[in-house]
PDB file of N, CA and C in Angstrom:
ATOM      1  N   UNK A   1     150.658  24.602 113.038  1.00  0.00           N
ATOM      2  CA  UNK A   1     149.850  25.474 113.854  1.00  0.00           C
ATOM      3  C   UNK A   1     149.395  26.660 112.994  1.00  0.00           C
ATOM      4  N   UNK A   2     148.202  27.102 113.205  1.00  0.00           N
ATOM      5  CA  UNK A   2     147.630  28.184 112.417  1.00  0.00           C
ATOM      6  C   UNK A   2     147.920  29.541 113.059  1.00  0.00           C
ATOM      7  N   UNK A   3     148.238  30.489 112.203  1.00  0.00           N
ATOM      8  CA  UNK A   3     148.464  31.857 112.645  1.00  0.00           C
ATOM      9  C   UNK A   3     147.937  32.776 111.545  1.00  0.00           C
ATOM     10  N   UNK A   4     148.183  34.051 111.713  1.00  0.00           N
ATOM     11  CA  UNK A   4     147.714  35.039 110.746  1.00  0.00           C
ATOM     12  C   UNK A   4     148.854  35.986 110.413  1.00  0.00           C
ATOM     13  N   UNK A   5     148.941  36.372 109.137  1.00  0.00           N
ATOM     14  CA  UNK A   5     149.997  37.279 108.696  1.00  0.00           C
ATOM     15  C   UNK A   5     149.376  38.583 108.212  1.00  0.00           C
ATOM     16  N   UNK A   6     149.848  39.679 108.788  1.00  0.00           N
ATOM     17  CA  UNK A   6     149.371  41.009 108.460  1.00  0.00           C
ATOM     18  C   UNK A   6     150.043  41.496 107.178  1.00  0.00           C
ATOM     19  N   UNK A   7     149.242  42.037 106.281  1.00  0.00           N
ATOM     20  CA  UNK A   7     149.760  42.621 105.048  1.00  0.00           C
ATOM     21  C   UNK A   7     149.758  44.138 105.236  1.00  0.00           C
ATOM     22  N   UNK A   8     150.941  44.745 105.194  1.00  0.00           N
ATOM     23  CA  UNK A   8     151.052  46.180 105.444  1.00  0.00           C
ATOM     24  C   UNK A   8     150.367  47.014 104.361  1.00  0.00           C
ATOM     25  N   UNK A   9     150.292  46.496 103.152  1.00  0.00           N
ATOM     26  CA  UNK A   9     149.677  47.256 102.057  1.00  0.00           C
ATOM     27  C   UNK A   9     148.151  47.212 102.109  1.00  0.00           C
ATOM     28  N   UNK A  10     147.606  46.000 102.256  1.00  0.00           N
ATOM     29  CA  UNK A  10     146.147  45.859 102.237  1.00  0.00           C
ATOM     30  C   UNK A  10     145.532  46.093 103.611  1.00  0.00           C
ATOM     31  N   UNK A  11     146.369  46.047 104.642  1.00  0.00           N
ATOM     32  CA  UNK A  11     145.922  46.191 106.035  1.00  0.00           C
ATOM     33  C   UNK A  11     144.881  45.135 106.404  1.00  0.00           C
ATOM     34  N   UNK A  12     145.194  43.905 105.994  1.00  0.00           N
ATOM     35  CA  UNK A  12     144.328  42.764 106.304  1.00  0.00           C
ATOM     36  C   UNK A  12     145.186  41.555 106.663  1.00  0.00           C
ATOM     37  N   UNK A  13     144.588  40.659 107.445  1.00  0.00           N
ATOM     38  CA  UNK A  13     145.241  39.404 107.787  1.00  0.00           C
ATOM     39  C   UNK A  13     144.908  38.331 106.757  1.00  0.00           C
ATOM     40  N   UNK A  14     145.842  37.411 106.588  1.00  0.00           N
ATOM     41  CA  UNK A  14     145.578  36.197 105.816  1.00  0.00           C
ATOM     42  C   UNK A  14     146.055  35.017 106.658  1.00  0.00           C
ATOM     43  N   UNK A  15     145.502  33.841 106.397  1.00  0.00           N
ATOM     44  CA  UNK A  15     145.920  32.645 107.119  1.00  0.00           C
ATOM     45  C   UNK A  15     147.393  32.377 106.843  1.00  0.00           C
ATOM     46  N   UNK A  16     148.075  31.851 107.842  1.00  0.00           N
ATOM     47  CA  UNK A  16     149.508  31.601 107.732  1.00  0.00           C
ATOM     48  C   UNK A  16     149.829  30.313 108.470  1.00  0.00           C
ATOM     49  N   UNK A  17     150.609  29.454 107.852  1.00  0.00           N
ATOM     50  CA  UNK A  17     151.032  28.197 108.484  1.00  0.00           C
ATOM     51  C   UNK A  17     152.420  28.381 109.073  1.00  0.00           C
ATOM     52  N   UNK A  18     152.524  28.141 110.364  1.00  0.00           N
ATOM     53  CA  UNK A  18     153.781  28.311 111.083  1.00  0.00           C
ATOM     54  C   UNK A  18     154.695  27.104 110.937  1.00  0.00           C
ATOM     55  N   UNK A  19     156.000  27.306 111.070  1.00  0.00           N
ATOM     56  CA  UNK A  19     156.915  26.170 111.198  1.00  0.00           C
ATOM     57  C   UNK A  19     156.576  25.411 112.485  1.00  0.00           C
ATOM     58  N   UNK A  20     156.879  24.134 112.555  1.00  0.00           N
ATOM     59  CA  UNK A  20     156.460  23.322 113.704  1.00  0.00           C
ATOM     60  C   UNK A  20     156.980  23.789 115.065  1.00  0.00           C
ATOM     61  N   UNK A  21     158.144  24.431 115.115  1.00  0.00           N
ATOM     62  CA  UNK A  21     158.695  24.841 116.406  1.00  0.00           C
ATOM     63  C   UNK A  21     158.686  26.357 116.605  1.00  0.00           C
ATOM     64  N   UNK A  22     157.808  27.043 115.891  1.00  0.00           N
ATOM     65  CA  UNK A  22     157.656  28.489 116.088  1.00  0.00           C
ATOM     66  C   UNK A  22     156.981  28.722 117.444  1.00  0.00           C
ATOM     67  N   UNK A  23     157.216  29.891 118.022  1.00  0.00           N
ATOM     68  CA  UNK A  23     156.682  30.168 119.351  1.00  0.00           C
ATOM     69  C   UNK A  23     156.381  31.652 119.519  1.00  0.00           C
ATOM     70  N   UNK A  24     155.413  31.928 120.372  1.00  0.00           N
ATOM     71  CA  UNK A  24     155.162  33.329 120.732  1.00  0.00           C
ATOM     72  C   UNK A  24     155.407  33.543 122.230  1.00  0.00           C
ATOM     73  N   UNK A  25     155.638  32.463 122.968  1.00  0.00           N
ATOM     74  CA  UNK A  25     155.961  32.599 124.386  1.00  0.00           C
ATOM     75  C   UNK A  25     156.719  31.379 124.864  1.00  0.00           C
ATOM     76  N   UNK A  26     157.754  31.606 125.641  1.00  0.00           N
ATOM     77  CA  UNK A  26     158.520  30.539 126.284  1.00  0.00           C
ATOM     78  C   UNK A  26     158.908  30.986 127.685  1.00  0.00           C
ATOM     79  N   UNK A  27     158.753  30.122 128.645  1.00  0.00           N
ATOM     80  CA  UNK A  27     159.222  30.403 130.002  1.00  0.00           C
ATOM     81  C   UNK A  27     160.743  30.264 130.060  1.00  0.00           C
ATOM     82  N   UNK A  28     161.295  29.381 129.229  1.00  0.00           N
ATOM     83  CA  UNK A  28     162.736  29.152 129.156  1.00  0.00           C
ATOM     84  C   UNK A  28     163.295  30.004 128.018  1.00  0.00           C
ATOM     85  N   UNK A  29     163.938  31.115 128.357  1.00  0.00           N
ATOM     86  CA  UNK A  29     164.449  32.046 127.357  1.00  0.00           C
ATOM     87  C   UNK A  29     165.554  31.442 126.490  1.00  0.00           C
ATOM     88  N   UNK A  30     166.162  30.358 126.940  1.00  0.00           N
ATOM     89  CA  UNK A  30     167.230  29.712 126.179  1.00  0.00           C
ATOM     90  C   UNK A  30     166.732  28.624 125.246  1.00  0.00           C
ATOM     91  N   UNK A  31     165.448  28.375 125.246  1.00  0.00           N
ATOM     92  CA  UNK A  31     164.901  27.317 124.397  1.00  0.00           C
ATOM     93  C   UNK A  31     165.113  27.629 122.910  1.00  0.00           C
ATOM     94  N   UNK A  32     165.460  26.606 122.140  1.00  0.00           N
ATOM     95  CA  UNK A  32     165.654  26.774 120.707  1.00  0.00           C
ATOM     96  C   UNK A  32     164.305  26.612 120.012  1.00  0.00           C
ATOM     97  N   UNK A  33     163.968  27.611 119.197  1.00  0.00           N
ATOM     98  CA  UNK A  33     162.707  27.628 118.454  1.00  0.00           C
ATOM     99  C   UNK A  33     163.016  27.897 116.978  1.00  0.00           C
ATOM    100  N   UNK A  34     161.975  27.931 116.162  1.00  0.00           N
ATOM    101  CA  UNK A  34     162.141  28.293 114.764  1.00  0.00           C
ATOM    102  C   UNK A  34     161.589  29.694 114.524  1.00  0.00           C
ATOM    103  N   UNK A  35     162.275  30.439 113.662  1.00  0.00           N
ATOM    104  CA  UNK A  35     161.761  31.733 113.230  1.00  0.00           C
ATOM    105  C   UNK A  35     160.417  31.490 112.561  1.00  0.00           C
ATOM    106  N   UNK A  36     159.424  32.268 112.924  1.00  0.00           N
ATOM    107  CA  UNK A  36     158.079  32.089 112.381  1.00  0.00           C
ATOM    108  C   UNK A  36     158.012  32.447 110.902  1.00  0.00           C
ATOM    109  N   UNK A  37     159.034  33.127 110.401  1.00  0.00           N
ATOM    110  CA  UNK A  37     159.016  33.561 109.012  1.00  0.00           C
ATOM    111  C   UNK A  37     159.895  32.706 108.100  1.00  0.00           C
ATOM    112  N   UNK A  38     161.154  32.491 108.472  1.00  0.00           N
ATOM    113  CA  UNK A  38     162.086  31.803 107.571  1.00  0.00           C
ATOM    114  C   UNK A  38     162.470  30.388 108.014  1.00  0.00           C
ATOM    115  N   UNK A  39     161.968  29.924 109.130  1.00  0.00           N
ATOM    116  CA  UNK A  39     162.223  28.570 109.650  1.00  0.00           C
ATOM    117  C   UNK A  39     163.605  28.392 110.277  1.00  0.00           C
ATOM    118  N   UNK A  40     164.417  29.433 110.318  1.00  0.00           N
ATOM    119  CA  UNK A  40     165.750  29.349 110.912  1.00  0.00           C
ATOM    120  C   UNK A  40     165.614  29.036 112.405  1.00  0.00           C
ATOM    121  N   UNK A  41     166.525  28.227 112.945  1.00  0.00           N
ATOM    122  CA  UNK A  41     166.527  27.926 114.375  1.00  0.00           C
ATOM    123  C   UNK A  41     167.308  28.999 115.130  1.00  0.00           C
ATOM    124  N   UNK A  42     166.774  29.410 116.284  1.00  0.00           N
ATOM    125  CA  UNK A  42     167.407  30.416 117.120  1.00  0.00           C
ATOM    126  C   UNK A  42     166.945  30.228 118.550  1.00  0.00           C
ATOM    127  N   UNK A  43     167.719  30.793 119.487  1.00  0.00           N
ATOM    128  CA  UNK A  43     167.273  30.788 120.877  1.00  0.00           C
ATOM    129  C   UNK A  43     166.172  31.826 121.024  1.00  0.00           C
ATOM    130  N   UNK A  44     165.190  31.508 121.838  1.00  0.00           N
ATOM    131  CA  UNK A  44     164.044  32.401 122.031  1.00  0.00           C
ATOM    132  C   UNK A  44     164.483  33.824 122.362  1.00  0.00           C
ATOM    133  N   UNK A  45     165.452  33.964 123.269  1.00  0.00           N
ATOM    134  CA  UNK A  45     165.850  35.318 123.681  1.00  0.00           C
ATOM    135  C   UNK A  45     166.705  36.046 122.646  1.00  0.00           C
ATOM    136  N   UNK A  46     167.041  35.405 121.546  1.00  0.00           N
ATOM    137  CA  UNK A  46     167.737  36.070 120.444  1.00  0.00           C
ATOM    138  C   UNK A  46     166.744  36.580 119.399  1.00  0.00           C
ATOM    139  N   UNK A  47     165.460  36.303 119.602  1.00  0.00           N
ATOM    140  CA  UNK A  47     164.444  36.659 118.619  1.00  0.00           C
ATOM    141  C   UNK A  47     163.761  37.982 118.907  1.00  0.00           C
ATOM    142  N   UNK A  48     162.901  38.358 117.987  1.00  0.00           N
ATOM    143  CA  UNK A  48     162.137  39.603 118.053  1.00  0.00           C
ATOM    144  C   UNK A  48     160.657  39.287 117.844  1.00  0.00           C
ATOM    145  N   UNK A  49     159.803  40.077 118.428  1.00  0.00           N
ATOM    146  CA  UNK A  49     158.365  39.884 118.248  1.00  0.00           C
ATOM    147  C   UNK A  49     157.968  40.379 116.867  1.00  0.00           C
ATOM    148  N   UNK A  50     157.382  39.495 116.092  1.00  0.00           N
ATOM    149  CA  UNK A  50     156.997  39.825 114.724  1.00  0.00           C
ATOM    150  C   UNK A  50     155.960  40.929 114.674  1.00  0.00           C
ATOM    151  N   UNK A  51     156.090  41.791 113.692  1.00  0.00           N
ATOM    152  CA  UNK A  51     155.095  42.840 113.444  1.00  0.00           C
ATOM    153  C   UNK A  51     154.021  42.326 112.509  1.00  0.00           C
ATOM    154  N   UNK A  52     154.215  41.130 111.936  1.00  0.00           N
ATOM    155  CA  UNK A  52     153.293  40.608 110.927  1.00  0.00           C
ATOM    156  C   UNK A  52     152.623  39.299 111.299  1.00  0.00           C
ATOM    157  N   UNK A  53     153.339  38.401 111.929  1.00  0.00           N
ATOM    158  CA  UNK A  53     152.830  37.050 112.169  1.00  0.00           C
ATOM    159  C   UNK A  53     152.299  36.968 113.598  1.00  0.00           C
ATOM    160  N   UNK A  54     150.974  36.759 113.706  1.00  0.00           N
ATOM    161  CA  UNK A  54     150.304  36.859 115.003  1.00  0.00           C
ATOM    162  C   UNK A  54     149.392  35.672 115.299  1.00  0.00           C
ATOM    163  N   UNK A  55     149.071  35.525 116.586  1.00  0.00           N
ATOM    164  CA  UNK A  55     148.047  34.580 117.014  1.00  0.00           C
ATOM    165  C   UNK A  55     146.681  35.183 116.678  1.00  0.00           C
ATOM    166  N   UNK A  56     145.626  34.424 116.915  1.00  0.00           N
ATOM    167  CA  UNK A  56     144.279  34.943 116.676  1.00  0.00           C
ATOM    168  C   UNK A  56     143.938  36.107 117.606  1.00  0.00           C
ATOM    169  N   UNK A  57     144.700  36.262 118.692  1.00  0.00           N
ATOM    170  CA  UNK A  57     144.491  37.382 119.615  1.00  0.00           C
ATOM    171  C   UNK A  57     145.397  38.570 119.313  1.00  0.00           C
ATOM    172  N   UNK A  58     146.294  38.410 118.347  1.00  0.00           N
ATOM    173  CA  UNK A  58     147.162  39.509 117.962  1.00  0.00           C
ATOM    174  C   UNK A  58     148.543  39.497 118.597  1.00  0.00           C
ATOM    175  N   UNK A  59     148.878  38.451 119.334  1.00  0.00           N
ATOM    176  CA  UNK A  59     150.211  38.355 119.917  1.00  0.00           C
ATOM    177  C   UNK A  59     151.192  37.929 118.835  1.00  0.00           C
ATOM    178  N   UNK A  60     152.364  38.581 118.797  1.00  0.00           N
ATOM    179  CA  UNK A  60     153.346  38.291 117.771  1.00  0.00           C
ATOM    180  C   UNK A  60     154.178  37.054 118.060  1.00  0.00           C
ATOM    181  N   UNK A  61     154.444  36.293 117.016  1.00  0.00           N
ATOM    182  CA  UNK A  61     155.366  35.163 117.111  1.00  0.00           C
ATOM    183  C   UNK A  61     156.794  35.693 117.020  1.00  0.00           C
ATOM    184  N   UNK A  62     157.754  34.857 117.359  1.00  0.00           N
ATOM    185  CA  UNK A  62     159.147  35.260 117.363  1.00  0.00           C
ATOM    186  C   UNK A  62     159.771  35.018 115.989  1.00  0.00           C
ATOM    187  N   UNK A  63     160.507  36.035 115.525  1.00  0.00           N
ATOM    188  CA  UNK A  63     161.237  35.949 114.261  1.00  0.00           C
ATOM    189  C   UNK A  63     162.705  36.296 114.516  1.00  0.00           C
ATOM    190  N   UNK A  64     163.560  35.901 113.581  1.00  0.00           N
ATOM    191  CA  UNK A  64     164.980  36.207 113.692  1.00  0.00           C
ATOM    192  C   UNK A  64     165.219  37.680 113.356  1.00  0.00           C
ATOM    193  N   UNK A  65     166.413  38.142 113.616  1.00  0.00           N
ATOM    194  CA  UNK A  65     166.737  39.556 113.384  1.00  0.00           C
ATOM    195  C   UNK A  65     166.585  39.945 111.915  1.00  0.00           C
ATOM    196  N   UNK A  66     167.027  39.094 111.011  1.00  0.00           N
ATOM    197  CA  UNK A  66     166.926  39.402 109.578  1.00  0.00           C
ATOM    198  C   UNK A  66     165.471  39.578 109.147  1.00  0.00           C
ATOM    199  N   UNK A  67     164.611  38.678 109.576  1.00  0.00           N
ATOM    200  CA  UNK A  67     163.193  38.769 109.210  1.00  0.00           C
ATOM    201  C   UNK A  67     162.536  39.983 109.857  1.00  0.00           C
ATOM    202  N   UNK A  68     162.943  40.312 111.075  1.00  0.00           N
ATOM    203  CA  UNK A  68     162.407  41.493 111.753  1.00  0.00           C
ATOM    204  C   UNK A  68     162.758  42.764 110.975  1.00  0.00           C
ATOM    205  N   UNK A  69     164.003  42.841 110.507  1.00  0.00           N
ATOM    206  CA  UNK A  69     164.433  43.997 109.717  1.00  0.00           C
ATOM    207  C   UNK A  69     163.627  44.085 108.420  1.00  0.00           C
ATOM    208  N   UNK A  70     163.368  42.948 107.791  1.00  0.00           N
ATOM    209  CA  UNK A  70     162.569  42.927 106.563  1.00  0.00           C
ATOM    210  C   UNK A  70     161.149  43.426 106.825  1.00  0.00           C
ATOM    211  N   UNK A  71     160.588  43.045 107.978  1.00  0.00           N
ATOM    212  CA  UNK A  71     159.248  43.522 108.328  1.00  0.00           C
ATOM    213  C   UNK A  71     159.225  45.042 108.445  1.00  0.00           C
ATOM    214  N   UNK A  72     160.249  45.616 109.070  1.00  0.00           N
ATOM    215  CA  UNK A  72     160.318  47.073 109.200  1.00  0.00           C
ATOM    216  C   UNK A  72     160.437  47.728 107.832  1.00  0.00           C
ATOM    217  N   UNK A  73     161.222  47.120 106.953  1.00  0.00           N
ATOM    218  CA  UNK A  73     161.378  47.668 105.596  1.00  0.00           C
ATOM    219  C   UNK A  73     160.056  47.603 104.834  1.00  0.00           C
ATOM    220  N   UNK A  74     159.363  46.490 104.942  1.00  0.00           N
ATOM    221  CA  UNK A  74     158.069  46.341 104.263  1.00  0.00           C
ATOM    222  C   UNK A  74     157.048  47.338 104.807  1.00  0.00           C
ATOM    223  N   UNK A  75     157.035  47.509 106.116  1.00  0.00           N
ATOM    224  CA  UNK A  75     156.100  48.459 106.724  1.00  0.00           C
ATOM    225  C   UNK A  75     156.413  49.880 106.262  1.00  0.00           C
ATOM    226  N   UNK A  76     157.691  50.235 106.215  1.00  0.00           N
ATOM    227  CA  UNK A  76     158.087  51.561 105.767  1.00  0.00           C
ATOM    228  C   UNK A  76     157.730  51.808 104.316  1.00  0.00           C
ATOM    229  N   UNK A  77     157.963  50.787 103.477  1.00  0.00           N
ATOM    230  CA  UNK A  77     157.639  50.909 102.053  1.00  0.00           C
ATOM    231  C   UNK A  77     156.132  51.088 101.859  1.00  0.00           C
ATOM    232  N   UNK A  78     155.337  50.334 102.593  1.00  0.00           N
ATOM    233  CA  UNK A  78     153.881  50.433 102.486  1.00  0.00           C
ATOM    234  C   UNK A  78     153.406  51.804 102.956  1.00  0.00           C
ATOM    235  N   UNK A  79     154.028  52.326 104.004  1.00  0.00           N
ATOM    236  CA  UNK A  79     153.657  53.634 104.530  1.00  0.00           C
ATOM    237  C   UNK A  79     154.000  54.740 103.531  1.00  0.00           C
ATOM    238  N   UNK A  80     155.184  54.663 102.938  1.00  0.00           N
ATOM    239  CA  UNK A  80     155.577  55.664 101.950  1.00  0.00           C
ATOM    240  C   UNK A  80     154.659  55.618 100.735  1.00  0.00           C
ATOM    241  N   UNK A  81     154.306  54.395 100.316  1.00  0.00           N
ATOM    242  CA  UNK A  81     153.391  54.227  99.180  1.00  0.00           C
ATOM    243  C   UNK A  81     152.035  54.846  99.484  1.00  0.00           C
ATOM    244  N   UNK A  82     151.554  54.642 100.692  1.00  0.00           N
ATOM    245  CA  UNK A  82     150.267  55.201 101.103  1.00  0.00           C
ATOM    246  C   UNK A  82     150.335  56.730 101.149  1.00  0.00           C
ATOM    247  N   UNK A  83     151.456  57.273 101.639  1.00  0.00           N
ATOM    248  CA  UNK A  83     151.626  58.727 101.689  1.00  0.00           C
ATOM    249  C   UNK A  83     151.617  59.346 100.294  1.00  0.00           C
ATOM    250  N   UNK A  84     152.162  58.637  99.334  1.00  0.00           N
ATOM    251  CA  UNK A  84     152.204  59.149  97.959  1.00  0.00           C
ATOM    252  C   UNK A  84     150.808  59.171  97.337  1.00  0.00           C
ATOM    253  N   UNK A  85     149.960  58.260  97.763  1.00  0.00           N
ATOM    254  CA  UNK A  85     148.582  58.213  97.231  1.00  0.00           C
ATOM    255  C   UNK A  85     147.729  59.342  97.799  1.00  0.00           C
ATOM    256  N   UNK A  86     148.053  59.774  98.999  1.00  0.00           N
ATOM    257  CA  UNK A  86     147.230  60.808  99.674  1.00  0.00           C
ATOM    258  C   UNK A  86     147.480  62.191  99.159  1.00  0.00           C
TER     259      UNK A  86
END
């Protein structure tokens, strides 16, 4: 399935290929899905909405806690880098 990944540094999307069982919405919160970033299997309600991996409408796919933390770190690093340039 096709998705888009936001780059915090360039502030642009690039095409992104999702794992086959990645999801951005489930009616069954206990359903097992794949992390949209690392392919790890997790229950939907144990996941977090990605800050980077989105549908064409901008809805975030679900990622595991580790990948979510990495996204926050990347966003913070990009923000600090931008502040240093200004």
